[in-house]
Amino acid sequence: MEEKTRCEICDREFKDTEALAMHNKAKHPENILKEGKPLPIRKIKKWSFFPLIVILIIAGIIWLVSGIERLPPTDIKGHVESNPPSHILKEQMPITIQKHMLEHADGIEKGRGGVIINYNCKDYECESDLIEKLEAFAAKYDYVYVAPFEGMDTKIALTKLNKIEILDEYNNETIEKFINY
């Protein structure tokens, strides 16, 4: 079997394949790169910005999302046709059910929209009788619901369709006004 001793690019002839390889390395390095050799520094520099840009985009998204307040819903988009077991709950009411109660309390079609009083006594210091005071509104009005909302960014949030009132402290007058307005 005859050894390949002629350069395909410049048509020069060499005595053996080792001499041809040395010639190709010196005179035609671009062909060696195509055979799996390392990329030239120029190409590495060109593509090194791509991961940096991706990292910056991901960091920006995380920064934007972390600035969003976690509050109860005020719209009905994505609600389910399901009712909570009671007007006074000891566990968080699922968001989809909260949305349905905003549409109409107790799921009565064309009925009055509900008012939901959410509280967060896990992350905020609450008075010993706060929950009791809030639950009194659910006993007084048949369209009011009271439930905890863990991780909420306020102590008390009053919601009804397209409206929210945020309270740092209990205020009977503000709550009554929100419910009846």
N, C-alpha and C. Protein backbone atom coordinates (compact mmCIF):
# COMPACT_ATOMS: atom_id res chain seq x y z
N MET A 1 0.84 -1.18 0.00
CA MET A 1 0.00 0.00 0.00
C MET A 1 0.89 1.24 0.00
N GLU A 2 0.59 2.14 -0.90
CA GLU A 2 1.40 3.33 -1.09
C GLU A 2 1.02 4.40 -0.09
N GLU A 3 2.03 5.05 0.52
CA GLU A 3 1.77 6.12 1.48
C GLU A 3 1.40 7.39 0.76
N LYS A 4 0.55 8.17 1.39
CA LYS A 4 0.13 9.44 0.82
C LYS A 4 1.24 10.44 1.11
N THR A 5 1.91 10.92 0.08
CA THR A 5 3.04 11.82 0.29
C THR A 5 2.90 13.13 -0.48
N ARG A 6 1.77 13.37 -1.03
CA ARG A 6 1.55 14.60 -1.79
C ARG A 6 0.55 15.48 -1.02
N CYS A 7 0.88 16.78 -0.89
CA CYS A 7 0.00 17.74 -0.23
C CYS A 7 -1.14 18.06 -1.18
N GLU A 8 -2.36 17.86 -0.70
CA GLU A 8 -3.54 18.10 -1.54
C GLU A 8 -3.81 19.57 -1.77
N ILE A 9 -3.26 20.43 -0.94
CA ILE A 9 -3.53 21.86 -1.06
C ILE A 9 -2.53 22.55 -1.99
N CYS A 10 -1.23 22.32 -1.74
CA CYS A 10 -0.23 23.01 -2.57
C CYS A 10 0.44 22.09 -3.58
N ASP A 11 0.07 20.84 -3.62
CA ASP A 11 0.53 19.84 -4.59
C ASP A 11 2.03 19.56 -4.50
N ARG A 12 2.64 19.75 -3.32
CA ARG A 12 4.05 19.42 -3.12
C ARG A 12 4.18 17.97 -2.73
N GLU A 13 5.30 17.37 -3.09
CA GLU A 13 5.51 15.96 -2.79
C GLU A 13 6.55 15.81 -1.68
N PHE A 14 6.31 14.80 -0.79
CA PHE A 14 7.19 14.56 0.35
C PHE A 14 7.58 13.10 0.37
N LYS A 15 8.74 12.79 1.01
CA LYS A 15 9.26 11.43 0.99
C LYS A 15 8.48 10.45 1.85
N ASP A 16 7.80 10.98 2.92
CA ASP A 16 6.96 10.09 3.74
C ASP A 16 5.83 10.89 4.40
N THR A 17 4.95 10.17 5.08
CA THR A 17 3.78 10.81 5.70
C THR A 17 4.17 11.70 6.87
N GLU A 18 5.25 11.38 7.55
CA GLU A 18 5.69 12.23 8.65
C GLU A 18 6.11 13.61 8.15
N ALA A 19 6.80 13.65 7.06
CA ALA A 19 7.21 14.92 6.46
C ALA A 19 5.99 15.71 5.99
N LEU A 20 5.02 14.99 5.41
CA LEU A 20 3.78 15.63 4.96
C LEU A 20 3.02 16.22 6.16
N ALA A 21 2.98 15.49 7.28
CA ALA A 21 2.30 15.97 8.48
C ALA A 21 2.96 17.23 9.02
N MET A 22 4.30 17.27 9.03
CA MET A 22 5.02 18.46 9.49
C MET A 22 4.73 19.65 8.59
N HIS A 23 4.70 19.39 7.27
CA HIS A 23 4.39 20.44 6.30
C HIS A 23 2.97 20.99 6.54
N ASN A 24 2.01 20.10 6.67
CA ASN A 24 0.62 20.53 6.88
C ASN A 24 0.47 21.34 8.18
N LYS A 25 1.18 20.91 9.22
CA LYS A 25 1.11 21.63 10.49
C LYS A 25 1.67 23.04 10.35
N ALA A 26 2.76 23.18 9.59
CA ALA A 26 3.40 24.48 9.44
C ALA A 26 2.70 25.36 8.41
N LYS A 27 2.30 24.79 7.29
CA LYS A 27 1.77 25.60 6.18
C LYS A 27 0.24 25.63 6.10
N HIS A 28 -0.44 24.62 6.61
CA HIS A 28 -1.90 24.53 6.48
C HIS A 28 -2.55 24.15 7.82
N PRO A 29 -2.36 24.98 8.86
CA PRO A 29 -2.91 24.60 10.19
C PRO A 29 -4.43 24.57 10.23
N GLU A 30 -5.09 25.32 9.34
CA GLU A 30 -6.56 25.32 9.33
C GLU A 30 -7.13 23.94 9.02
N ASN A 31 -6.42 23.13 8.27
CA ASN A 31 -6.89 21.77 7.96
C ASN A 31 -6.71 20.84 9.15
N ILE A 32 -5.71 21.07 9.93
CA ILE A 32 -5.49 20.24 11.12
C ILE A 32 -6.61 20.48 12.13
N LEU A 33 -7.08 21.72 12.25
CA LEU A 33 -8.17 22.04 13.17
C LEU A 33 -9.44 21.29 12.82
N LYS A 34 -9.67 21.08 11.56
CA LYS A 34 -10.87 20.36 11.13
C LYS A 34 -10.83 18.90 11.55
N GLU A 35 -9.64 18.40 11.85
CA GLU A 35 -9.49 17.00 12.23
C GLU A 35 -9.58 16.80 13.75
N GLY A 36 -10.14 17.77 14.50
CA GLY A 36 -10.38 17.59 15.92
C GLY A 36 -9.35 18.23 16.83
N LYS A 37 -8.48 19.06 16.33
CA LYS A 37 -7.51 19.76 17.16
C LYS A 37 -8.19 20.92 17.88
N PRO A 38 -7.54 21.50 18.88
CA PRO A 38 -8.14 22.60 19.64
C PRO A 38 -8.49 23.81 18.76
N LEU A 39 -9.52 24.52 19.17
CA LEU A 39 -9.95 25.72 18.45
C LEU A 39 -8.94 26.84 18.66
N PRO A 40 -8.79 27.70 17.69
CA PRO A 40 -7.90 28.84 17.89
C PRO A 40 -8.49 29.77 18.95
N ILE A 41 -7.62 30.51 19.61
CA ILE A 41 -8.01 31.43 20.68
C ILE A 41 -9.08 32.41 20.21
N ARG A 42 -9.00 32.84 18.97
CA ARG A 42 -9.97 33.79 18.43
C ARG A 42 -11.39 33.25 18.54
N LYS A 43 -11.61 32.00 18.19
CA LYS A 43 -12.95 31.41 18.25
C LYS A 43 -13.39 31.23 19.70
N ILE A 44 -12.47 30.88 20.57
CA ILE A 44 -12.81 30.71 21.98
C ILE A 44 -13.28 32.05 22.56
N LYS A 45 -12.56 33.12 22.27
CA LYS A 45 -12.95 34.44 22.76
C LYS A 45 -14.31 34.84 22.22
N LYS A 46 -14.55 34.54 20.96
CA LYS A 46 -15.82 34.91 20.32
C LYS A 46 -17.00 34.25 21.03
N TRP A 47 -16.88 32.99 21.39
CA TRP A 47 -18.00 32.24 21.99
C TRP A 47 -18.03 32.31 23.51
N SER A 48 -17.01 32.86 24.15
CA SER A 48 -17.01 32.92 25.61
C SER A 48 -18.04 33.90 26.15
N PHE A 49 -18.51 34.82 25.33
CA PHE A 49 -19.53 35.77 25.78
C PHE A 49 -20.91 35.13 25.86
N PHE A 50 -21.16 34.09 25.11
CA PHE A 50 -22.48 33.44 25.10
C PHE A 50 -22.89 32.95 26.48
N PRO A 51 -22.09 32.15 27.19
CA PRO A 51 -22.51 31.72 28.54
C PRO A 51 -22.68 32.90 29.50
N LEU A 52 -21.85 33.92 29.35
CA LEU A 52 -21.96 35.10 30.20
C LEU A 52 -23.30 35.79 29.99
N ILE A 53 -23.73 35.92 28.76
CA ILE A 53 -25.02 36.54 28.44
C ILE A 53 -26.16 35.70 29.01
N VAL A 54 -26.09 34.39 28.87
CA VAL A 54 -27.13 33.50 29.40
C VAL A 54 -27.22 33.64 30.92
N ILE A 55 -26.08 33.68 31.59
CA ILE A 55 -26.07 33.83 33.05
C ILE A 55 -26.68 35.17 33.46
N LEU A 56 -26.37 36.23 32.74
CA LEU A 56 -26.94 37.55 33.05
C LEU A 56 -28.45 37.56 32.85
N ILE A 57 -28.95 36.91 31.82
CA ILE A 57 -30.39 36.85 31.57
C ILE A 57 -31.09 36.09 32.71
N ILE A 58 -30.53 34.95 33.10
CA ILE A 58 -31.12 34.16 34.18
C ILE A 58 -31.11 34.95 35.49
N ALA A 59 -30.00 35.63 35.78
CA ALA A 59 -29.91 36.43 37.00
C ALA A 59 -30.94 37.56 36.98
N GLY A 60 -31.15 38.17 35.82
CA GLY A 60 -32.15 39.23 35.69
C GLY A 60 -33.56 38.73 35.95
N ILE A 61 -33.88 37.57 35.44
CA ILE A 61 -35.21 36.98 35.65
C ILE A 61 -35.41 36.69 37.14
N ILE A 62 -34.42 36.11 37.77
CA ILE A 62 -34.52 35.81 39.21
C ILE A 62 -34.71 37.10 40.01
N TRP A 63 -33.97 38.13 39.65
CA TRP A 63 -34.09 39.42 40.35
C TRP A 63 -35.49 40.00 40.19
N LEU A 64 -36.04 39.94 38.97
CA LEU A 64 -37.39 40.46 38.74
C LEU A 64 -38.44 39.69 39.53
N VAL A 65 -38.34 38.37 39.51
CA VAL A 65 -39.33 37.53 40.19
C VAL A 65 -39.24 37.71 41.70
N SER A 66 -38.05 37.88 42.24
CA SER A 66 -37.91 38.01 43.69
C SER A 66 -38.50 39.32 44.20
N GLY A 67 -38.67 40.31 43.33
CA GLY A 67 -39.24 41.59 43.74
C GLY A 67 -40.76 41.61 43.73
N ILE A 68 -41.38 40.53 43.29
CA ILE A 68 -42.84 40.48 43.22
C ILE A 68 -43.39 40.15 44.60
N GLU A 69 -44.38 40.94 45.03
CA GLU A 69 -45.00 40.69 46.33
C GLU A 69 -45.89 39.45 46.26
N ARG A 70 -45.92 38.71 47.35
CA ARG A 70 -46.78 37.54 47.43
C ARG A 70 -48.03 37.93 48.20
N LEU A 71 -49.11 38.13 47.45
CA LEU A 71 -50.39 38.54 48.03
C LEU A 71 -51.50 37.66 47.48
N PRO A 72 -52.65 37.63 48.14
CA PRO A 72 -53.79 36.84 47.65
C PRO A 72 -54.29 37.38 46.31
N PRO A 73 -55.00 36.55 45.55
CA PRO A 73 -55.51 36.99 44.25
C PRO A 73 -56.68 37.96 44.37
N THR A 74 -56.86 38.76 43.31
CA THR A 74 -58.02 39.66 43.24
C THR A 74 -58.79 39.45 41.94
N ASP A 75 -58.38 38.47 41.14
CA ASP A 75 -59.08 38.20 39.89
C ASP A 75 -59.59 36.76 39.90
N ILE A 76 -60.37 36.40 38.88
CA ILE A 76 -60.96 35.06 38.84
C ILE A 76 -60.34 34.19 37.76
N LYS A 77 -59.34 34.70 37.06
CA LYS A 77 -58.70 33.92 35.99
C LYS A 77 -58.07 32.67 36.58
N GLY A 78 -58.44 31.52 36.06
CA GLY A 78 -57.89 30.25 36.52
C GLY A 78 -58.61 29.66 37.72
N HIS A 79 -59.82 30.13 38.00
CA HIS A 79 -60.54 29.60 39.16
C HIS A 79 -61.16 28.24 38.85
N VAL A 80 -61.57 27.54 39.89
CA VAL A 80 -62.25 26.25 39.75
C VAL A 80 -63.63 26.37 40.37
N GLU A 81 -64.56 25.60 39.87
CA GLU A 81 -65.94 25.61 40.39
C GLU A 81 -66.00 24.71 41.63
N SER A 82 -65.39 25.19 42.70
CA SER A 82 -65.35 24.43 43.94
C SER A 82 -65.42 25.40 45.12
N ASN A 83 -66.03 24.96 46.20
CA ASN A 83 -66.20 25.81 47.37
C ASN A 83 -65.35 25.30 48.53
N PRO A 84 -64.94 26.21 49.42
CA PRO A 84 -64.22 25.75 50.61
C PRO A 84 -65.18 25.03 51.55
N PRO A 85 -64.68 24.19 52.44
CA PRO A 85 -65.56 23.45 53.34
C PRO A 85 -66.28 24.34 54.36
N SER A 86 -65.78 25.54 54.59
CA SER A 86 -66.35 26.41 55.62
C SER A 86 -65.98 27.86 55.31
N HIS A 87 -66.63 28.80 55.99
CA HIS A 87 -66.27 30.21 55.85
C HIS A 87 -65.06 30.56 56.71
N ILE A 88 -64.80 29.74 57.71
CA ILE A 88 -63.64 29.93 58.58
C ILE A 88 -62.74 28.71 58.41
N LEU A 89 -61.53 28.97 57.90
CA LEU A 89 -60.58 27.89 57.64
C LEU A 89 -59.36 28.02 58.53
N LYS A 90 -58.82 26.89 58.93
CA LYS A 90 -57.61 26.87 59.75
C LYS A 90 -56.38 26.57 58.89
N GLU A 91 -56.61 26.21 57.63
CA GLU A 91 -55.53 25.98 56.67
C GLU A 91 -55.75 26.91 55.49
N GLN A 92 -54.67 27.17 54.76
CA GLN A 92 -54.75 28.10 53.63
C GLN A 92 -55.76 27.61 52.58
N MET A 93 -56.59 28.53 52.12
CA MET A 93 -57.55 28.22 51.06
C MET A 93 -56.79 28.19 49.74
N PRO A 94 -56.95 27.14 48.94
CA PRO A 94 -56.26 27.10 47.65
C PRO A 94 -56.59 28.34 46.80
N ILE A 95 -55.60 28.83 46.09
CA ILE A 95 -55.75 30.05 45.28
C ILE A 95 -56.91 29.91 44.29
N THR A 96 -57.04 28.76 43.65
CA THR A 96 -58.10 28.59 42.65
C THR A 96 -59.49 28.69 43.28
N ILE A 97 -59.62 28.22 44.51
CA ILE A 97 -60.90 28.33 45.22
C ILE A 97 -61.12 29.77 45.69
N GLN A 98 -60.05 30.43 46.15
CA GLN A 98 -60.18 31.85 46.52
C GLN A 98 -60.72 32.64 45.34
N LYS A 99 -60.19 32.37 44.16
CA LYS A 99 -60.64 33.09 42.96
C LYS A 99 -62.13 32.84 42.70
N HIS A 100 -62.57 31.61 42.92
CA HIS A 100 -63.98 31.29 42.71
C HIS A 100 -64.86 32.02 43.72
N MET A 101 -64.41 32.13 44.97
CA MET A 101 -65.19 32.83 45.99
C MET A 101 -65.26 34.33 45.70
N LEU A 102 -64.24 34.88 45.05
CA LEU A 102 -64.30 36.29 44.64
C LEU A 102 -65.39 36.49 43.59
N GLU A 103 -65.59 35.48 42.76
CA GLU A 103 -66.61 35.57 41.70
C GLU A 103 -68.01 35.55 42.32
N HIS A 104 -68.30 34.56 43.13
CA HIS A 104 -69.59 34.50 43.84
C HIS A 104 -69.44 33.61 45.07
N ALA A 105 -69.81 34.19 46.21
CA ALA A 105 -69.69 33.48 47.49
C ALA A 105 -70.54 32.22 47.48
N ASP A 106 -70.02 31.19 48.11
CA ASP A 106 -70.68 29.88 48.19
C ASP A 106 -71.01 29.29 46.83
N GLY A 107 -70.42 29.82 45.77
CA GLY A 107 -70.62 29.27 44.45
C GLY A 107 -72.01 29.46 43.89
N ILE A 108 -72.80 30.33 44.48
CA ILE A 108 -74.16 30.58 43.99
C ILE A 108 -74.05 31.41 42.72
N GLU A 109 -74.44 30.80 41.60
CA GLU A 109 -74.35 31.47 40.30
C GLU A 109 -75.08 32.80 40.35
N LYS A 110 -74.44 33.84 39.87
CA LYS A 110 -74.95 35.21 39.86
C LYS A 110 -75.15 35.75 41.28
N GLY A 111 -74.55 35.08 42.26
CA GLY A 111 -74.62 35.55 43.64
C GLY A 111 -73.58 36.63 43.89
N ARG A 112 -73.65 37.20 45.06
CA ARG A 112 -72.73 38.26 45.45
C ARG A 112 -71.30 37.73 45.50
N GLY A 113 -70.36 38.55 45.06
CA GLY A 113 -68.94 38.18 45.15
C GLY A 113 -68.50 38.12 46.60
N GLY A 114 -67.59 37.25 46.88
CA GLY A 114 -67.14 37.08 48.25
C GLY A 114 -66.03 38.04 48.64
N VAL A 115 -65.82 38.14 49.94
CA VAL A 115 -64.70 38.89 50.52
C VAL A 115 -63.87 37.87 51.29
N ILE A 116 -62.57 37.91 51.06
CA ILE A 116 -61.69 36.96 51.76
C ILE A 116 -60.73 37.74 52.63
N ILE A 117 -60.67 37.35 53.89
CA ILE A 117 -59.73 37.95 54.83
C ILE A 117 -58.63 36.91 55.07
N ASN A 118 -57.44 37.21 54.58
CA ASN A 118 -56.29 36.34 54.79
C ASN A 118 -55.39 36.96 55.86
N TYR A 119 -54.79 36.11 56.66
CA TYR A 119 -53.87 36.59 57.69
C TYR A 119 -52.61 35.73 57.68
N ASN A 120 -51.51 36.32 58.14
CA ASN A 120 -50.24 35.61 58.19
C ASN A 120 -49.62 35.80 59.58
N CYS A 121 -49.97 34.91 60.48
CA CYS A 121 -49.43 34.98 61.84
C CYS A 121 -48.18 34.11 62.00
N LYS A 122 -47.77 33.49 60.91
CA LYS A 122 -46.55 32.68 60.97
C LYS A 122 -45.32 33.58 60.79
N ASP A 123 -45.41 34.55 59.89
CA ASP A 123 -44.28 35.44 59.62
C ASP A 123 -44.38 36.78 60.34
N TYR A 124 -45.57 37.09 60.86
CA TYR A 124 -45.80 38.36 61.56
C TYR A 124 -46.32 38.08 62.96
N GLU A 125 -45.99 38.96 63.88
CA GLU A 125 -46.46 38.81 65.25
C GLU A 125 -47.91 39.29 65.33
N CYS A 126 -48.79 38.41 65.73
CA CYS A 126 -50.22 38.73 65.81
C CYS A 126 -50.67 38.77 67.27
N GLU A 127 -51.63 39.64 67.55
CA GLU A 127 -52.21 39.71 68.88
C GLU A 127 -52.88 38.37 69.17
N SER A 128 -53.00 38.03 70.43
CA SER A 128 -53.55 36.72 70.80
C SER A 128 -54.99 36.53 70.33
N ASP A 129 -55.76 37.62 70.19
CA ASP A 129 -57.16 37.49 69.79
C ASP A 129 -57.42 37.92 68.33
N LEU A 130 -56.36 38.12 67.54
CA LEU A 130 -56.53 38.60 66.17
C LEU A 130 -57.38 37.65 65.33
N ILE A 131 -57.04 36.38 65.33
CA ILE A 131 -57.77 35.42 64.49
C ILE A 131 -59.24 35.36 64.91
N GLU A 132 -59.48 35.40 66.20
CA GLU A 132 -60.86 35.40 66.72
C GLU A 132 -61.64 36.62 66.20
N LYS A 133 -61.01 37.78 66.22
CA LYS A 133 -61.66 39.01 65.73
C LYS A 133 -61.96 38.90 64.24
N LEU A 134 -61.02 38.35 63.47
CA LEU A 134 -61.23 38.21 62.02
C LEU A 134 -62.34 37.20 61.73
N GLU A 135 -62.35 36.11 62.48
CA GLU A 135 -63.38 35.08 62.28
C GLU A 135 -64.78 35.60 62.59
N ALA A 136 -64.88 36.60 63.43
CA ALA A 136 -66.19 37.20 63.76
C ALA A 136 -66.83 37.81 62.52
N PHE A 137 -66.03 38.30 61.58
CA PHE A 137 -66.58 38.86 60.34
C PHE A 137 -67.22 37.77 59.49
N ALA A 138 -66.62 36.58 59.47
CA ALA A 138 -67.19 35.47 58.70
C ALA A 138 -68.50 35.01 59.34
N ALA A 139 -68.59 35.11 60.65
CA ALA A 139 -69.84 34.74 61.34
C ALA A 139 -70.92 35.79 61.09
N LYS A 140 -70.52 37.03 60.95
CA LYS A 140 -71.46 38.14 60.76
C LYS A 140 -71.98 38.24 59.32
N TYR A 141 -71.12 37.99 58.34
CA TYR A 141 -71.49 38.13 56.92
C TYR A 141 -71.37 36.78 56.23
N ASP A 142 -72.42 36.39 55.50
CA ASP A 142 -72.41 35.08 54.85
C ASP A 142 -71.57 35.03 53.57
N TYR A 143 -70.96 36.11 53.18
CA TYR A 143 -70.11 36.14 51.99
C TYR A 143 -68.65 36.44 52.32
N VAL A 144 -68.30 36.34 53.60
CA VAL A 144 -66.92 36.61 54.05
C VAL A 144 -66.26 35.29 54.46
N TYR A 145 -65.01 35.13 54.04
CA TYR A 145 -64.22 33.94 54.36
C TYR A 145 -62.95 34.40 55.07
N VAL A 146 -62.49 33.60 56.02
CA VAL A 146 -61.27 33.92 56.76
C VAL A 146 -60.36 32.70 56.69
N ALA A 147 -59.10 32.93 56.33
CA ALA A 147 -58.15 31.83 56.21
C ALA A 147 -56.72 32.34 56.37
N PRO A 148 -55.84 31.48 56.87
CA PRO A 148 -54.42 31.87 56.92
C PRO A 148 -53.83 31.86 55.50
N PHE A 149 -52.76 32.60 55.31
CA PHE A 149 -52.07 32.65 54.02
C PHE A 149 -50.58 32.72 54.32
N GLU A 150 -49.96 31.55 54.43
CA GLU A 150 -48.54 31.49 54.77
C GLU A 150 -47.68 32.09 53.67
N GLY A 151 -46.66 32.82 54.07
CA GLY A 151 -45.73 33.40 53.11
C GLY A 151 -46.22 34.71 52.50
N MET A 152 -47.41 35.15 52.89
CA MET A 152 -47.95 36.41 52.37
C MET A 152 -47.07 37.56 52.88
N ASP A 153 -46.93 38.60 52.07
CA ASP A 153 -46.04 39.71 52.40
C ASP A 153 -46.70 40.79 53.25
N THR A 154 -47.69 40.44 54.01
CA THR A 154 -48.33 41.37 54.94
C THR A 154 -49.02 40.56 56.03
N LYS A 155 -49.42 41.23 57.10
CA LYS A 155 -50.08 40.52 58.20
C LYS A 155 -51.53 40.19 57.85
N ILE A 156 -52.26 41.17 57.29
CA ILE A 156 -53.68 40.98 56.96
C ILE A 156 -53.92 41.52 55.55
N ALA A 157 -54.63 40.75 54.74
CA ALA A 157 -55.02 41.21 53.40
C ALA A 157 -56.51 40.94 53.21
N LEU A 158 -57.22 41.98 52.82
CA LEU A 158 -58.66 41.87 52.52
C LEU A 158 -58.78 41.89 51.00
N THR A 159 -59.49 40.91 50.44
CA THR A 159 -59.64 40.89 48.98
C THR A 159 -61.09 40.69 48.59
N LYS A 160 -61.44 41.33 47.49
CA LYS A 160 -62.68 41.06 46.77
C LYS A 160 -62.34 41.29 45.31
N LEU A 161 -63.28 41.03 44.44
CA LEU A 161 -62.98 41.07 43.01
C LEU A 161 -62.34 42.40 42.61
N ASN A 162 -61.13 42.31 42.10
CA ASN A 162 -60.33 43.44 41.59
C ASN A 162 -59.96 44.48 42.65
N LYS A 163 -60.02 44.12 43.93
CA LYS A 163 -59.66 45.06 45.00
C LYS A 163 -58.88 44.32 46.10
N ILE A 164 -57.94 45.05 46.67
CA ILE A 164 -57.19 44.50 47.81
C ILE A 164 -56.90 45.63 48.79
N GLU A 165 -56.96 45.31 50.06
CA GLU A 165 -56.60 46.25 51.14
C GLU A 165 -55.59 45.52 52.01
N ILE A 166 -54.45 46.15 52.22
CA ILE A 166 -53.38 45.54 53.01
C ILE A 166 -53.32 46.24 54.36
N LEU A 167 -53.31 45.45 55.42
CA LEU A 167 -53.26 46.01 56.78
C LEU A 167 -52.05 45.46 57.53
N ASP A 168 -51.32 46.36 58.17
CA ASP A 168 -50.21 45.93 59.03
C ASP A 168 -50.70 45.59 60.43
N GLU A 169 -51.83 46.16 60.79
CA GLU A 169 -52.44 45.93 62.10
C GLU A 169 -53.95 45.79 61.93
N TYR A 170 -54.58 45.15 62.89
CA TYR A 170 -56.03 45.00 62.88
C TYR A 170 -56.69 46.36 63.01
N ASN A 171 -57.70 46.62 62.15
CA ASN A 171 -58.46 47.87 62.22
C ASN A 171 -59.91 47.54 61.87
N ASN A 172 -60.76 47.45 62.88
CA ASN A 172 -62.15 47.05 62.71
C ASN A 172 -62.89 47.93 61.70
N GLU A 173 -62.70 49.23 61.81
CA GLU A 173 -63.40 50.18 60.93
C GLU A 173 -63.01 49.98 59.46
N THR A 174 -61.72 49.82 59.20
CA THR A 174 -61.24 49.61 57.82
C THR A 174 -61.80 48.31 57.25
N ILE A 175 -61.82 47.26 58.05
CA ILE A 175 -62.33 45.97 57.58
C ILE A 175 -63.83 46.07 57.29
N GLU A 176 -64.60 46.66 58.19
CA GLU A 176 -66.05 46.84 57.97
C GLU A 176 -66.31 47.63 56.69
N LYS A 177 -65.56 48.71 56.51
CA LYS A 177 -65.73 49.56 55.33
C LYS A 177 -65.43 48.77 54.05
N PHE A 178 -64.35 47.97 54.07
CA PHE A 178 -63.98 47.18 52.89
C PHE A 178 -65.06 46.15 52.58
N ILE A 179 -65.58 45.49 53.59
CA ILE A 179 -66.60 44.46 53.39
C ILE A 179 -67.88 45.06 52.81
N ASN A 180 -68.28 46.20 53.31
CA ASN A 180 -69.57 46.79 52.93
C ASN A 180 -69.52 47.76 51.75
N TYR A 181 -68.36 48.07 51.26
CA TYR A 181 -68.27 49.02 50.14
C TYR A 181 -68.45 48.33 48.82
